[in-house]
Amino acid sequence: MTNSTPYLESKEDLIRRLKKIEGQVKGIQRMVDADKYCVDVLIQVAAVRAAINRVGTIIFEHHSRECMRDAVESSDQEAAIEELVGVLSKFIK
């Protein structure tokens, strides 16, 4: 299994998304501090959760493609597949 970063071509997009998420989380902190309406806070929490899931999905998609390419080219295909299954299991929890 490779430790390379196959998502490098989308790194700028990922960083942009993560900075936006960081801003959203800070906004939620301000909302809680200001005793904003719970429903409004929960809507923002859901938005952050969706955004972070999207970042994870992008990275997982890139990893899956790289892992499958490596598995096809590797003599240790079973290990590459097990790694992919393991990371999927952790990602979807």
PDB file of N, CA and C in Angstrom:
ATOM      1  N   MET A   1       0.827  -1.169   0.000  1.00  0.00           N
ATOM      2  CA  MET A   1       0.000   0.000   0.000  1.00  0.00           C
ATOM      3  C   MET A   1       0.876   1.238   0.000  1.00  0.00           C
ATOM      4  N   THR A   2       0.456   2.181  -0.752  1.00  0.00           N
ATOM      5  CA  THR A   2       1.236   3.397  -0.894  1.00  0.00           C
ATOM      6  C   THR A   2       0.827   4.429   0.154  1.00  0.00           C
ATOM      7  N   ASN A   3       1.761   5.234   0.567  1.00  0.00           N
ATOM      8  CA  ASN A   3       1.470   6.320   1.490  1.00  0.00           C
ATOM      9  C   ASN A   3       1.442   7.648   0.753  1.00  0.00           C
ATOM     10  N   SER A   4       1.356   7.611  -0.559  1.00  0.00           N
ATOM     11  CA  SER A   4       1.319   8.843  -1.331  1.00  0.00           C
ATOM     12  C   SER A   4      -0.013   9.545  -1.120  1.00  0.00           C
ATOM     13  N   THR A   5      -0.106  10.756  -1.615  1.00  0.00           N
ATOM     14  CA  THR A   5      -1.334  11.528  -1.490  1.00  0.00           C
ATOM     15  C   THR A   5      -1.974  11.666  -2.860  1.00  0.00           C
ATOM     16  N   PRO A   6      -2.788  10.706  -3.243  1.00  0.00           N
ATOM     17  CA  PRO A   6      -3.357  10.731  -4.585  1.00  0.00           C
ATOM     18  C   PRO A   6      -4.360  11.856  -4.809  1.00  0.00           C
ATOM     19  N   TYR A   7      -4.769  12.544  -3.754  1.00  0.00           N
ATOM     20  CA  TYR A   7      -5.716  13.637  -3.917  1.00  0.00           C
ATOM     21  C   TYR A   7      -5.021  14.972  -4.172  1.00  0.00           C
ATOM     22  N   LEU A   8      -3.711  14.937  -4.429  1.00  0.00           N
ATOM     23  CA  LEU A   8      -2.961  16.179  -4.620  1.00  0.00           C
ATOM     24  C   LEU A   8      -3.562  17.075  -5.690  1.00  0.00           C
ATOM     25  N   GLU A   9      -4.135  16.470  -6.751  1.00  0.00           N
ATOM     26  CA  GLU A   9      -4.703  17.319  -7.805  1.00  0.00           C
ATOM     27  C   GLU A   9      -5.901  18.121  -7.314  1.00  0.00           C
ATOM     28  N   SER A  10      -6.513  17.718  -6.203  1.00  0.00           N
ATOM     29  CA  SER A  10      -7.644  18.475  -5.674  1.00  0.00           C
ATOM     30  C   SER A  10      -7.308  19.097  -4.315  1.00  0.00           C
ATOM     31  N   LYS A  11      -6.027  19.184  -3.997  1.00  0.00           N
ATOM     32  CA  LYS A  11      -5.606  19.692  -2.691  1.00  0.00           C
ATOM     33  C   LYS A  11      -6.116  21.107  -2.431  1.00  0.00           C
ATOM     34  N   GLU A  12      -6.004  21.982  -3.419  1.00  0.00           N
ATOM     35  CA  GLU A  12      -6.478  23.358  -3.231  1.00  0.00           C
ATOM     36  C   GLU A  12      -7.966  23.391  -2.937  1.00  0.00           C
ATOM     37  N   ASP A  13      -8.738  22.564  -3.636  1.00  0.00           N
ATOM     38  CA  ASP A  13     -10.175  22.486  -3.388  1.00  0.00           C
ATOM     39  C   ASP A  13     -10.449  21.973  -1.973  1.00  0.00           C
ATOM     40  N   LEU A  14      -9.706  20.952  -1.555  1.00  0.00           N
ATOM     41  CA  LEU A  14      -9.895  20.411  -0.211  1.00  0.00           C
ATOM     42  C   LEU A  14      -9.563  21.447   0.857  1.00  0.00           C
ATOM     43  N   ILE A  15      -8.471  22.166   0.679  1.00  0.00           N
ATOM     44  CA  ILE A  15      -8.084  23.207   1.642  1.00  0.00           C
ATOM     45  C   ILE A  15      -9.154  24.293   1.699  1.00  0.00           C
ATOM     46  N   ARG A  16      -9.670  24.684   0.538  1.00  0.00           N
ATOM     47  CA  ARG A  16     -10.736  25.699   0.493  1.00  0.00           C
ATOM     48  C   ARG A  16     -11.961  25.212   1.258  1.00  0.00           C
ATOM     49  N   ARG A  17     -12.342  23.973   1.020  1.00  0.00           N
ATOM     50  CA  ARG A  17     -13.503  23.392   1.710  1.00  0.00           C
ATOM     51  C   ARG A  17     -13.269  23.342   3.226  1.00  0.00           C
ATOM     52  N   LEU A  18     -12.068  22.923   3.635  1.00  0.00           N
ATOM     53  CA  LEU A  18     -11.772  22.823   5.063  1.00  0.00           C
ATOM     54  C   LEU A  18     -11.757  24.191   5.744  1.00  0.00           C
ATOM     55  N   LYS A  19     -11.273  25.201   5.062  1.00  0.00           N
ATOM     56  CA  LYS A  19     -11.291  26.557   5.629  1.00  0.00           C
ATOM     57  C   LYS A  19     -12.724  27.052   5.785  1.00  0.00           C
ATOM     58  N   LYS A  20     -13.564  26.718   4.816  1.00  0.00           N
ATOM     59  CA  LYS A  20     -14.979  27.100   4.911  1.00  0.00           C
ATOM     60  C   LYS A  20     -15.633  26.394   6.096  1.00  0.00           C
ATOM     61  N   ILE A  21     -15.323  25.113   6.270  1.00  0.00           N
ATOM     62  CA  ILE A  21     -15.858  24.353   7.399  1.00  0.00           C
ATOM     63  C   ILE A  21     -15.384  24.966   8.716  1.00  0.00           C
ATOM     64  N   GLU A  22     -14.112  25.342   8.755  1.00  0.00           N
ATOM     65  CA  GLU A  22     -13.572  25.985   9.955  1.00  0.00           C
ATOM     66  C   GLU A  22     -14.363  27.240  10.290  1.00  0.00           C
ATOM     67  N   GLY A  23     -14.670  28.033   9.274  1.00  0.00           N
ATOM     68  CA  GLY A  23     -15.476  29.241   9.476  1.00  0.00           C
ATOM     69  C   GLY A  23     -16.881  28.909   9.954  1.00  0.00           C
ATOM     70  N   GLN A  24     -17.456  27.847   9.405  1.00  0.00           N
ATOM     71  CA  GLN A  24     -18.798  27.437   9.831  1.00  0.00           C
ATOM     72  C   GLN A  24     -18.793  27.007  11.298  1.00  0.00           C
ATOM     73  N   VAL A  25     -17.760  26.264  11.704  1.00  0.00           N
ATOM     74  CA  VAL A  25     -17.673  25.816  13.098  1.00  0.00           C
ATOM     75  C   VAL A  25     -17.527  27.022  14.028  1.00  0.00           C
ATOM     76  N   LYS A  26     -16.711  27.983  13.643  1.00  0.00           N
ATOM     77  CA  LYS A  26     -16.574  29.198  14.457  1.00  0.00           C
ATOM     78  C   LYS A  26     -17.905  29.939  14.536  1.00  0.00           C
ATOM     79  N   GLY A  27     -18.649  29.911  13.433  1.00  0.00           N
ATOM     80  CA  GLY A  27     -19.974  30.527  13.433  1.00  0.00           C
ATOM     81  C   GLY A  27     -20.917  29.825  14.397  1.00  0.00           C
ATOM     82  N   ILE A  28     -20.843  28.525  14.450  1.00  0.00           N
ATOM     83  CA  ILE A  28     -21.670  27.759  15.390  1.00  0.00           C
ATOM     84  C   ILE A  28     -21.280  28.112  16.831  1.00  0.00           C
ATOM     85  N   GLN A  29     -19.978  28.236  17.076  1.00  0.00           N
ATOM     86  CA  GLN A  29     -19.529  28.629  18.415  1.00  0.00           C
ATOM     87  C   GLN A  29     -20.128  29.980  18.798  1.00  0.00           C
ATOM     88  N   ARG A  30     -20.120  30.919  17.864  1.00  0.00           N
ATOM     89  CA  ARG A  30     -20.697  32.241  18.137  1.00  0.00           C
ATOM     90  C   ARG A  30     -22.201  32.140  18.385  1.00  0.00           C
ATOM     91  N   MET A  31     -22.862  31.284  17.611  1.00  0.00           N
ATOM     92  CA  MET A  31     -24.306  31.104  17.788  1.00  0.00           C
ATOM     93  C   MET A  31     -24.616  30.549  19.178  1.00  0.00           C
ATOM     94  N   VAL A  32     -23.851  29.559  19.612  1.00  0.00           N
ATOM     95  CA  VAL A  32     -24.065  28.977  20.939  1.00  0.00           C
ATOM     96  C   VAL A  32     -23.786  30.020  22.018  1.00  0.00           C
ATOM     97  N   ASP A  33     -22.691  30.746  21.847  1.00  0.00           N
ATOM     98  CA  ASP A  33     -22.328  31.782  22.807  1.00  0.00           C
ATOM     99  C   ASP A  33     -23.421  32.848  22.910  1.00  0.00           C
ATOM    100  N   ALA A  34     -24.073  33.132  21.782  1.00  0.00           N
ATOM    101  CA  ALA A  34     -25.123  34.157  21.747  1.00  0.00           C
ATOM    102  C   ALA A  34     -26.508  33.581  22.046  1.00  0.00           C
ATOM    103  N   ASP A  35     -26.556  32.313  22.461  1.00  0.00           N
ATOM    104  CA  ASP A  35     -27.822  31.658  22.804  1.00  0.00           C
ATOM    105  C   ASP A  35     -28.835  31.704  21.663  1.00  0.00           C
ATOM    106  N   LYS A  36     -28.362  31.445  20.451  1.00  0.00           N
ATOM    107  CA  LYS A  36     -29.261  31.417  19.291  1.00  0.00           C
ATOM    108  C   LYS A  36     -30.221  30.244  19.389  1.00  0.00           C
ATOM    109  N   TYR A  37     -31.286  30.329  18.636  1.00  0.00           N
ATOM    110  CA  TYR A  37     -32.340  29.319  18.618  1.00  0.00           C
ATOM    111  C   TYR A  37     -31.754  27.962  18.237  1.00  0.00           C
ATOM    112  N   CYS A  38     -32.092  26.933  19.020  1.00  0.00           N
ATOM    113  CA  CYS A  38     -31.519  25.591  18.837  1.00  0.00           C
ATOM    114  C   CYS A  38     -31.676  25.065  17.419  1.00  0.00           C
ATOM    115  N   VAL A  39     -32.826  25.301  16.821  1.00  0.00           N
ATOM    116  CA  VAL A  39     -33.065  24.801  15.458  1.00  0.00           C
ATOM    117  C   VAL A  39     -32.068  25.428  14.484  1.00  0.00           C
ATOM    118  N   ASP A  40     -31.806  26.715  14.642  1.00  0.00           N
ATOM    119  CA  ASP A  40     -30.844  27.384  13.765  1.00  0.00           C
ATOM    120  C   ASP A  40     -29.440  26.809  13.945  1.00  0.00           C
ATOM    121  N   VAL A  41     -29.072  26.521  15.189  1.00  0.00           N
ATOM    122  CA  VAL A  41     -27.761  25.929  15.465  1.00  0.00           C
ATOM    123  C   VAL A  41     -27.688  24.532  14.842  1.00  0.00           C
ATOM    124  N   LEU A  42     -28.731  23.742  15.033  1.00  0.00           N
ATOM    125  CA  LEU A  42     -28.744  22.386  14.482  1.00  0.00           C
ATOM    126  C   LEU A  42     -28.666  22.383  12.967  1.00  0.00           C
ATOM    127  N   ILE A  43     -29.284  23.327  12.323  1.00  0.00           N
ATOM    128  CA  ILE A  43     -29.193  23.429  10.857  1.00  0.00           C
ATOM    129  C   ILE A  43     -27.747  23.671  10.449  1.00  0.00           C
ATOM    130  N   GLN A  44     -27.038  24.514  11.183  1.00  0.00           N
ATOM    131  CA  GLN A  44     -25.640  24.791  10.869  1.00  0.00           C
ATOM    132  C   GLN A  44     -24.760  23.579  11.167  1.00  0.00           C
ATOM    133  N   VAL A  45     -25.072  22.849  12.245  1.00  0.00           N
ATOM    134  CA  VAL A  45     -24.333  21.619  12.553  1.00  0.00           C
ATOM    135  C   VAL A  45     -24.507  20.617  11.416  1.00  0.00           C
ATOM    136  N   ALA A  46     -25.732  20.491  10.917  1.00  0.00           N
ATOM    137  CA  ALA A  46     -25.991  19.571   9.798  1.00  0.00           C
ATOM    138  C   ALA A  46     -25.212  19.990   8.558  1.00  0.00           C
ATOM    139  N   ALA A  47     -25.120  21.298   8.326  1.00  0.00           N
ATOM    140  CA  ALA A  47     -24.370  21.791   7.166  1.00  0.00           C
ATOM    141  C   ALA A  47     -22.888  21.452   7.298  1.00  0.00           C
ATOM    142  N   VAL A  48     -22.325  21.604   8.492  1.00  0.00           N
ATOM    143  CA  VAL A  48     -20.919  21.271   8.719  1.00  0.00           C
ATOM    144  C   VAL A  48     -20.698  19.778   8.543  1.00  0.00           C
ATOM    145  N   ARG A  49     -21.612  18.979   9.087  1.00  0.00           N
ATOM    146  CA  ARG A  49     -21.482  17.528   8.963  1.00  0.00           C
ATOM    147  C   ARG A  49     -21.501  17.123   7.489  1.00  0.00           C
ATOM    148  N   ALA A  50     -22.396  17.700   6.721  1.00  0.00           N
ATOM    149  CA  ALA A  50     -22.460  17.379   5.286  1.00  0.00           C
ATOM    150  C   ALA A  50     -21.177  17.804   4.579  1.00  0.00           C
ATOM    151  N   ALA A  51     -20.657  18.970   4.945  1.00  0.00           N
ATOM    152  CA  ALA A  51     -19.437  19.473   4.304  1.00  0.00           C
ATOM    153  C   ALA A  51     -18.233  18.598   4.642  1.00  0.00           C
ATOM    154  N   ILE A  52     -18.097  18.181   5.890  1.00  0.00           N
ATOM    155  CA  ILE A  52     -16.950  17.352   6.267  1.00  0.00           C
ATOM    156  C   ILE A  52     -17.086  15.966   5.656  1.00  0.00           C
ATOM    157  N   ASN A  53     -18.312  15.466   5.555  1.00  0.00           N
ATOM    158  CA  ASN A  53     -18.523  14.181   4.877  1.00  0.00           C
ATOM    159  C   ASN A  53     -18.104  14.266   3.418  1.00  0.00           C
ATOM    160  N   ARG A  54     -18.358  15.392   2.779  1.00  0.00           N
ATOM    161  CA  ARG A  54     -17.971  15.563   1.380  1.00  0.00           C
ATOM    162  C   ARG A  54     -16.450  15.569   1.240  1.00  0.00           C
ATOM    163  N   VAL A  55     -15.765  16.235   2.143  1.00  0.00           N
ATOM    164  CA  VAL A  55     -14.298  16.237   2.117  1.00  0.00           C
ATOM    165  C   VAL A  55     -13.788  14.803   2.269  1.00  0.00           C
ATOM    166  N   GLY A  56     -14.344  14.080   3.228  1.00  0.00           N
ATOM    167  CA  GLY A  56     -13.941  12.689   3.428  1.00  0.00           C
ATOM    168  C   GLY A  56     -14.222  11.838   2.213  1.00  0.00           C
ATOM    169  N   THR A  57     -15.359  12.066   1.579  1.00  0.00           N
ATOM    170  CA  THR A  57     -15.714  11.302   0.387  1.00  0.00           C
ATOM    171  C   THR A  57     -14.743  11.568  -0.752  1.00  0.00           C
ATOM    172  N   ILE A  58     -14.365  12.815  -0.939  1.00  0.00           N
ATOM    173  CA  ILE A  58     -13.398  13.154  -1.991  1.00  0.00           C
ATOM    174  C   ILE A  58     -12.082  12.418  -1.749  1.00  0.00           C
ATOM    175  N   ILE A  59     -11.595  12.472  -0.516  1.00  0.00           N
ATOM    176  CA  ILE A  59     -10.331  11.806  -0.192  1.00  0.00           C
ATOM    177  C   ILE A  59     -10.478  10.299  -0.341  1.00  0.00           C
ATOM    178  N   PHE A  60     -11.606   9.755   0.111  1.00  0.00           N
ATOM    179  CA  PHE A  60     -11.830   8.311  -0.002  1.00  0.00           C
ATOM    180  C   PHE A  60     -11.896   7.868  -1.463  1.00  0.00           C
ATOM    181  N   GLU A  61     -12.566   8.646  -2.294  1.00  0.00           N
ATOM    182  CA  GLU A  61     -12.646   8.306  -3.719  1.00  0.00           C
ATOM    183  C   GLU A  61     -11.261   8.254  -4.340  1.00  0.00           C
ATOM    184  N   HIS A  62     -10.445   9.244  -4.043  1.00  0.00           N
ATOM    185  CA  HIS A  62      -9.086   9.266  -4.582  1.00  0.00           C
ATOM    186  C   HIS A  62      -8.270   8.091  -4.047  1.00  0.00           C
ATOM    187  N   HIS A  63      -8.402   7.824  -2.756  1.00  0.00           N
ATOM    188  CA  HIS A  63      -7.669   6.698  -2.172  1.00  0.00           C
ATOM    189  C   HIS A  63      -8.109   5.381  -2.811  1.00  0.00           C
ATOM    190  N   SER A  64      -9.411   5.221  -2.989  1.00  0.00           N
ATOM    191  CA  SER A  64      -9.933   3.980  -3.566  1.00  0.00           C
ATOM    192  C   SER A  64      -9.373   3.752  -4.961  1.00  0.00           C
ATOM    193  N   ARG A  65      -9.365   4.790  -5.764  1.00  0.00           N
ATOM    194  CA  ARG A  65      -8.822   4.649  -7.111  1.00  0.00           C
ATOM    195  C   ARG A  65      -7.347   4.260  -7.064  1.00  0.00           C
ATOM    196  N   GLU A  66      -6.589   4.939  -6.215  1.00  0.00           N
ATOM    197  CA  GLU A  66      -5.152   4.658  -6.091  1.00  0.00           C
ATOM    198  C   GLU A  66      -4.937   3.252  -5.542  1.00  0.00           C
ATOM    199  N   CYS A  67      -5.709   2.892  -4.536  1.00  0.00           N
ATOM    200  CA  CYS A  67      -5.567   1.580  -3.917  1.00  0.00           C
ATOM    201  C   CYS A  67      -5.883   0.471  -4.923  1.00  0.00           C
ATOM    202  N   MET A  68      -6.908   0.659  -5.693  1.00  0.00           N
ATOM    203  CA  MET A  68      -7.262  -0.364  -6.679  1.00  0.00           C
ATOM    204  C   MET A  68      -6.196  -0.454  -7.776  1.00  0.00           C
ATOM    205  N   ARG A  69      -5.655   0.679  -8.172  1.00  0.00           N
ATOM    206  CA  ARG A  69      -4.575   0.679  -9.162  1.00  0.00           C
ATOM    207  C   ARG A  69      -3.371  -0.069  -8.596  1.00  0.00           C
ATOM    208  N   ASP A  70      -3.035   0.231  -7.339  1.00  0.00           N
ATOM    209  CA  ASP A  70      -1.916  -0.452  -6.691  1.00  0.00           C
ATOM    210  C   ASP A  70      -2.178  -1.937  -6.557  1.00  0.00           C
ATOM    211  N   ALA A  71      -3.417  -2.302  -6.231  1.00  0.00           N
ATOM    212  CA  ALA A  71      -3.757  -3.720  -6.061  1.00  0.00           C
ATOM    213  C   ALA A  71      -3.569  -4.491  -7.354  1.00  0.00           C
ATOM    214  N   VAL A  72      -3.957  -3.875  -8.462  1.00  0.00           N
ATOM    215  CA  VAL A  72      -3.818  -4.531  -9.759  1.00  0.00           C
ATOM    216  C   VAL A  72      -2.346  -4.711 -10.108  1.00  0.00           C
ATOM    217  N   GLU A  73      -1.524  -3.713  -9.756  1.00  0.00           N
ATOM    218  CA  GLU A  73      -0.104  -3.749 -10.090  1.00  0.00           C
ATOM    219  C   GLU A  73       0.738  -4.493  -9.050  1.00  0.00           C
ATOM    220  N   SER A  74       0.165  -4.790  -7.901  1.00  0.00           N
ATOM    221  CA  SER A  74       0.921  -5.351  -6.784  1.00  0.00           C
ATOM    222  C   SER A  74       0.834  -6.869  -6.735  1.00  0.00           C
ATOM    223  N   SER A  75       1.838  -7.435  -6.099  1.00  0.00           N
ATOM    224  CA  SER A  75       1.772  -8.875  -5.850  1.00  0.00           C
ATOM    225  C   SER A  75       0.984  -9.144  -4.575  1.00  0.00           C
ATOM    226  N   ASP A  76       0.726  -8.097  -3.792  1.00  0.00           N
ATOM    227  CA  ASP A  76      -0.014  -8.245  -2.536  1.00  0.00           C
ATOM    228  C   ASP A  76      -1.400  -7.616  -2.666  1.00  0.00           C
ATOM    229  N   GLN A  77      -2.160  -8.123  -3.614  1.00  0.00           N
ATOM    230  CA  GLN A  77      -3.491  -7.579  -3.899  1.00  0.00           C
ATOM    231  C   GLN A  77      -4.422  -7.712  -2.703  1.00  0.00           C
ATOM    232  N   GLU A  78      -4.319  -8.819  -2.001  1.00  0.00           N
ATOM    233  CA  GLU A  78      -5.205  -9.056  -0.850  1.00  0.00           C
ATOM    234  C   GLU A  78      -5.010  -7.983   0.223  1.00  0.00           C
ATOM    235  N   ALA A  79      -3.765  -7.594   0.476  1.00  0.00           N
ATOM    236  CA  ALA A  79      -3.479  -6.567   1.482  1.00  0.00           C
ATOM    237  C   ALA A  79      -4.056  -5.222   1.063  1.00  0.00           C
ATOM    238  N   ALA A  80      -3.950  -4.885  -0.212  1.00  0.00           N
ATOM    239  CA  ALA A  80      -4.497  -3.619  -0.704  1.00  0.00           C
ATOM    240  C   ALA A  80      -6.014  -3.596  -0.557  1.00  0.00           C
ATOM    241  N   ILE A  81      -6.645  -4.709  -0.854  1.00  0.00           N
ATOM    242  CA  ILE A  81      -8.103  -4.785  -0.729  1.00  0.00           C
ATOM    243  C   ILE A  81      -8.502  -4.717   0.743  1.00  0.00           C
ATOM    244  N   GLU A  82      -7.777  -5.390   1.603  1.00  0.00           N
ATOM    245  CA  GLU A  82      -8.076  -5.348   3.044  1.00  0.00           C
ATOM    246  C   GLU A  82      -7.921  -3.930   3.586  1.00  0.00           C
ATOM    247  N   GLU A  83      -6.889  -3.220   3.114  1.00  0.00           N
ATOM    248  CA  GLU A  83      -6.716  -1.832   3.540  1.00  0.00           C
ATOM    249  C   GLU A  83      -7.914  -0.998   3.118  1.00  0.00           C
ATOM    250  N   LEU A  84      -8.366  -1.180   1.889  1.00  0.00           N
ATOM    251  CA  LEU A  84      -9.517  -0.431   1.390  1.00  0.00           C
ATOM    252  C   LEU A  84     -10.775  -0.741   2.200  1.00  0.00           C
ATOM    253  N   VAL A  85     -10.998  -2.013   2.478  1.00  0.00           N
ATOM    254  CA  VAL A  85     -12.164  -2.411   3.274  1.00  0.00           C
ATOM    255  C   VAL A  85     -12.063  -1.818   4.682  1.00  0.00           C
ATOM    256  N   GLY A  86     -10.872  -1.846   5.252  1.00  0.00           N
ATOM    257  CA  GLY A  86     -10.671  -1.284   6.590  1.00  0.00           C
ATOM    258  C   GLY A  86     -10.948   0.198   6.650  1.00  0.00           C
ATOM    259  N   VAL A  87     -10.436   0.928   5.681  1.00  0.00           N
ATOM    260  CA  VAL A  87     -10.646   2.377   5.693  1.00  0.00           C
ATOM    261  C   VAL A  87     -12.115   2.700   5.417  1.00  0.00           C
ATOM    262  N   LEU A  88     -12.771   1.942   4.584  1.00  0.00           N
ATOM    263  CA  LEU A  88     -14.204   2.147   4.333  1.00  0.00           C
ATOM    264  C   LEU A  88     -14.993   1.927   5.619  1.00  0.00           C
ATOM    265  N   SER A  89     -14.665   0.873   6.320  1.00  0.00           N
ATOM    266  CA  SER A  89     -15.373   0.567   7.561  1.00  0.00           C
ATOM    267  C   SER A  89     -15.206   1.704   8.579  1.00  0.00           C
ATOM    268  N   LYS A  90     -14.008   2.269   8.686  1.00  0.00           N
ATOM    269  CA  LYS A  90     -13.783   3.399   9.605  1.00  0.00           C
ATOM    270  C   LYS A  90     -14.481   4.655   9.111  1.00  0.00           C
ATOM    271  N   PHE A  91     -14.473   4.871   7.810  1.00  0.00           N
ATOM    272  CA  PHE A  91     -15.052   6.102   7.243  1.00  0.00           C
ATOM    273  C   PHE A  91     -16.559   6.161   7.425  1.00  0.00           C
ATOM    274  N   ILE A  92     -17.239   5.033   7.318  1.00  0.00           N
ATOM    275  CA  ILE A  92     -18.699   5.067   7.366  1.00  0.00           C
ATOM    276  C   ILE A  92     -19.271   4.992   8.781  1.00  0.00           C
ATOM    277  N   LYS A  93     -18.424   4.848   9.784  1.00  0.00           N
ATOM    278  CA  LYS A  93     -18.925   4.822  11.179  1.00  0.00           C
ATOM    279  C   LYS A  93     -19.415   6.175  11.599  1.00  0.00           C
TER     280      LYS A  93
END
